[in-house]
Amino acid sequence: MLSGMEPILFEVEGYRAIELVDDDIPIIQTFLENNPEYFLSAEGCPPTDSQAKEEFESELPEEWAFTSKHAIGFVDASEEVTGFATIVSDLFTGGVWHIGLLIVSTDKHGQGVARDLYEGLEHWLKASGAKWLRLGVIAGNTRAERFWERNGYLETRRRYGVVMRDAIQTVRVMVKPLGEAGLGEYLNLVSRDHPDAS
């Protein structure tokens, strides 16, 4: 059971999105251990014994500007954690919000739950000031690639040889412009994501 002290960020049919607090780490750890597919696919191993703590406390490189980090839990009507997301606001420049993780419990796959939760998340991010949404998806993770493409994300570049614990991956950097701000404007602001970036 979550602490009950978390503020509700938004609601979608049957689910609440809440801002997680440090007291929630053990609950999120259990959720990640019960739903290890992302880590097996991306990192070549199950979540570590301290995975949730790492996700909460992970530091961005010192030279990366940002405003805030969010850990979000999606809770169903029976108070069970159904999903977990990490978000960084104003990454590199104002208006760029980065989705670090979006994990939905395996038993909800194929039911449209991930789509509904994502749509609620995108609406909240846009209302919070996001002009562009950014993420990285593992090349070859077909389910994830199709999900993000269906939701309007465009590949801007690929990063090769990315070490992720026990795996070396190619990561597709993907961006979704929201509103009037286009992809060209984004690439002018965030040169590291330009297709020609080294």
Protein backbone atom coordinates (compact mmCIF):
# COMPACT_ATOMS: atom_id res chain seq x y z
CA MET A 1 0.00 0.00 0.00
CA LEU A 2 1.31 3.43 -0.91
CA SER A 3 1.83 5.99 1.83
CA GLY A 4 -1.36 7.93 1.11
CA MET A 5 0.53 11.23 1.25
CA GLU A 6 1.17 11.46 -2.48
CA PRO A 7 -0.47 14.29 -4.44
CA ILE A 8 -2.74 13.24 -7.32
CA LEU A 9 -1.38 14.63 -10.60
CA PHE A 10 -4.20 13.52 -12.89
CA GLU A 11 -6.80 10.81 -13.35
CA VAL A 12 -7.78 8.66 -16.29
CA GLU A 13 -10.66 6.21 -16.31
CA GLY A 14 -10.06 3.76 -13.49
CA TYR A 15 -6.58 5.05 -12.61
CA ARG A 16 -4.91 7.82 -10.62
CA ALA A 17 -1.44 9.17 -11.36
CA ILE A 18 0.36 10.18 -8.18
CA GLU A 19 3.69 11.83 -7.42
CA LEU A 20 5.67 9.17 -5.56
CA VAL A 21 7.65 9.90 -2.41
CA ASP A 22 10.64 8.17 -0.83
CA ASP A 23 8.37 6.09 1.42
CA ASP A 24 6.95 4.47 -1.73
CA ILE A 25 10.29 2.98 -2.83
CA PRO A 26 9.61 -0.51 -1.35
CA ILE A 27 6.23 -0.70 -3.15
CA ILE A 28 7.80 0.35 -6.47
CA GLN A 29 10.64 -2.14 -5.93
CA THR A 30 8.07 -4.95 -5.64
CA PHE A 31 6.29 -3.66 -8.75
CA LEU A 32 9.52 -3.66 -10.78
CA GLU A 33 10.49 -7.14 -9.57
CA ASN A 34 7.03 -8.43 -10.52
CA ASN A 35 7.28 -6.81 -13.96
CA PRO A 36 10.91 -7.33 -15.03
CA GLU A 37 10.40 -7.41 -18.80
CA TYR A 38 11.77 -3.94 -19.50
CA PHE A 39 14.99 -4.63 -17.58
CA LEU A 40 15.46 -8.07 -19.13
CA SER A 41 15.05 -6.56 -22.60
CA ALA A 42 17.00 -3.32 -22.11
CA GLU A 43 19.66 -4.30 -19.58
CA GLY A 44 19.93 -8.04 -20.11
CA CYS A 45 19.14 -8.82 -16.47
CA PRO A 46 16.29 -8.50 -13.98
CA PRO A 47 15.92 -5.39 -11.79
CA THR A 48 18.47 -5.14 -9.01
CA ASP A 49 17.57 -5.33 -5.32
CA SER A 50 17.81 -1.54 -5.20
CA GLN A 51 16.33 -0.73 -8.63
CA ALA A 52 13.52 1.50 -7.37
CA LYS A 53 15.91 3.47 -5.17
CA GLU A 54 18.25 3.88 -8.15
CA GLU A 55 15.39 5.16 -10.33
CA PHE A 56 14.36 7.66 -7.65
CA GLU A 57 17.87 8.88 -6.88
CA SER A 58 19.72 8.56 -10.19
CA GLU A 59 21.73 11.66 -11.04
CA LEU A 60 21.85 13.24 -14.46
CA PRO A 61 25.23 14.28 -15.87
CA GLU A 62 26.39 17.53 -14.24
CA GLU A 63 26.35 19.43 -17.53
CA TRP A 64 22.71 18.56 -18.26
CA ALA A 65 20.41 21.41 -17.31
CA PHE A 66 16.94 20.51 -15.99
CA THR A 67 14.29 21.89 -13.66
CA SER A 68 12.89 18.88 -11.79
CA LYS A 69 12.52 15.10 -11.72
CA HIS A 70 9.27 13.23 -11.12
CA ALA A 71 8.55 9.64 -10.16
CA ILE A 72 4.95 8.83 -10.99
CA GLY A 73 2.88 5.84 -9.93
CA PHE A 74 -0.32 4.77 -11.68
CA VAL A 75 -2.77 3.22 -9.22
CA ASP A 76 -5.97 1.36 -10.06
CA ALA A 77 -9.28 1.38 -8.19
CA SER A 78 -8.10 -1.37 -5.84
CA GLU A 79 -5.03 0.71 -4.90
CA GLU A 80 -2.67 -1.61 -6.79
CA VAL A 81 0.29 -0.07 -8.63
CA THR A 82 -0.32 -0.64 -12.34
CA GLY A 83 2.43 1.52 -13.82
CA PHE A 84 5.53 3.54 -13.07
CA ALA A 85 7.09 6.47 -14.92
CA THR A 86 10.05 8.78 -14.46
CA ILE A 87 10.04 12.25 -15.98
CA VAL A 88 12.60 15.05 -16.22
CA SER A 89 11.32 18.56 -16.92
CA ASP A 90 13.11 21.20 -19.00
CA LEU A 91 15.93 18.85 -19.96
CA PHE A 92 18.70 20.71 -21.85
CA THR A 93 16.37 23.67 -22.44
CA GLY A 94 12.97 24.97 -21.40
CA GLY A 95 9.97 23.03 -22.67
CA VAL A 96 11.70 19.67 -23.26
CA TRP A 97 10.27 16.99 -20.98
CA HIS A 98 12.01 13.62 -21.04
CA ILE A 99 10.26 10.32 -20.32
CA GLY A 100 12.90 8.12 -18.72
CA LEU A 101 10.71 5.10 -18.02
CA LEU A 102 7.12 4.09 -18.62
CA ILE A 103 6.42 0.58 -17.36
CA VAL A 104 2.92 -0.90 -17.26
CA SER A 105 2.27 -4.18 -15.44
CA THR A 106 2.59 -7.17 -17.74
CA ASP A 107 -0.92 -8.45 -17.01
CA LYS A 108 -2.31 -5.24 -18.52
CA HIS A 109 -0.43 -5.54 -21.83
CA GLY A 110 -2.63 -5.73 -24.92
CA GLN A 111 -5.65 -4.20 -23.16
CA GLY A 112 -5.16 -0.56 -24.11
CA VAL A 113 -4.13 0.38 -20.56
CA ALA A 114 -0.70 1.66 -21.59
CA ARG A 115 -2.32 3.84 -24.27
CA ASP A 116 -4.83 5.30 -21.79
CA LEU A 117 -2.18 5.98 -19.15
CA TYR A 118 0.14 7.53 -21.72
CA GLU A 119 -2.60 9.79 -23.09
CA GLY A 120 -3.32 11.05 -19.57
CA LEU A 121 0.40 11.56 -18.98
CA GLU A 122 0.88 13.48 -22.23
CA HIS A 123 -2.05 15.75 -21.44
CA TRP A 124 -0.61 16.47 -17.98
CA LEU A 125 2.88 17.11 -19.37
CA LYS A 126 1.55 19.54 -21.96
CA ALA A 127 -0.51 21.36 -19.30
CA SER A 128 2.64 21.52 -17.16
CA GLY A 129 4.57 23.38 -19.88
CA ALA A 130 6.01 20.70 -22.17
CA LYS A 131 6.52 21.82 -25.77
CA TRP A 132 8.37 18.67 -26.80
CA LEU A 133 8.46 15.17 -25.33
CA ARG A 134 11.67 13.18 -25.64
CA LEU A 135 12.63 9.58 -24.89
CA GLY A 136 14.97 6.79 -25.89
CA VAL A 137 13.74 3.40 -27.08
CA ILE A 138 15.85 0.30 -27.65
CA ALA A 139 16.17 -0.54 -31.34
CA GLY A 140 14.74 -4.01 -31.80
CA ASN A 141 12.21 -3.76 -28.96
CA THR A 142 9.41 -3.92 -31.50
CA ARG A 143 6.51 -3.56 -29.06
CA ALA A 144 7.97 -0.38 -27.57
CA GLU A 145 9.03 1.05 -30.94
CA ARG A 146 5.54 0.59 -32.38
CA PHE A 147 3.91 2.03 -29.26
CA TRP A 148 5.88 5.26 -29.42
CA GLU A 149 5.55 5.58 -33.18
CA ARG A 150 1.76 5.14 -32.90
CA ASN A 151 1.75 7.92 -30.33
CA GLY A 152 3.42 10.37 -32.71
CA TYR A 153 7.12 10.13 -31.78
CA LEU A 154 9.71 10.71 -34.50
CA GLU A 155 13.27 9.40 -34.48
CA THR A 156 15.88 12.16 -34.54
CA ARG A 157 19.07 10.12 -34.17
CA ARG A 158 20.52 6.79 -33.02
CA ARG A 159 23.08 6.27 -30.29
CA TYR A 160 25.20 3.17 -30.82
CA GLY A 161 27.08 1.08 -28.28
CA VAL A 162 25.11 2.29 -25.25
CA VAL A 163 26.11 0.19 -22.24
CA MET A 164 23.07 -0.75 -20.14
CA ARG A 165 24.23 -3.00 -17.32
CA ASP A 166 24.64 -6.45 -18.96
CA ALA A 167 23.72 -5.34 -22.49
CA ILE A 168 25.04 -3.05 -25.21
CA GLN A 169 22.22 -1.39 -27.10
CA THR A 170 21.38 0.90 -29.97
CA VAL A 171 19.03 3.59 -28.67
CA ARG A 172 16.63 5.49 -30.89
CA VAL A 173 16.22 9.05 -29.63
CA MET A 174 12.60 10.02 -30.32
CA VAL A 175 10.82 13.34 -29.99
CA LYS A 176 7.18 14.43 -30.17
CA PRO A 177 6.47 18.12 -30.73
CA LEU A 178 3.40 19.39 -28.89
CA GLY A 179 1.41 22.28 -30.28
CA GLU A 180 3.04 24.82 -32.58
CA ALA A 181 6.69 24.13 -31.72
CA GLY A 182 8.06 21.91 -34.47
CA LEU A 183 10.85 19.38 -34.74
CA GLY A 184 13.14 21.83 -36.56
CA GLU A 185 12.92 24.29 -33.69
CA TYR A 186 13.67 21.46 -31.24
CA LEU A 187 16.79 20.39 -33.15
CA ASN A 188 18.02 23.99 -33.21
CA LEU A 189 17.74 24.09 -29.43
CA VAL A 190 19.02 20.56 -28.68
CA SER A 191 21.87 20.00 -31.11
CA ARG A 192 22.92 16.72 -29.44
CA ASP A 193 19.75 15.10 -30.85
CA HIS A 194 20.40 16.22 -34.42
CA PRO A 195 20.70 13.28 -36.88
CA ASP A 196 24.27 14.35 -37.68
CA ALA A 197 25.37 14.62 -34.00
CA SER A 198 28.35 12.46 -33.12
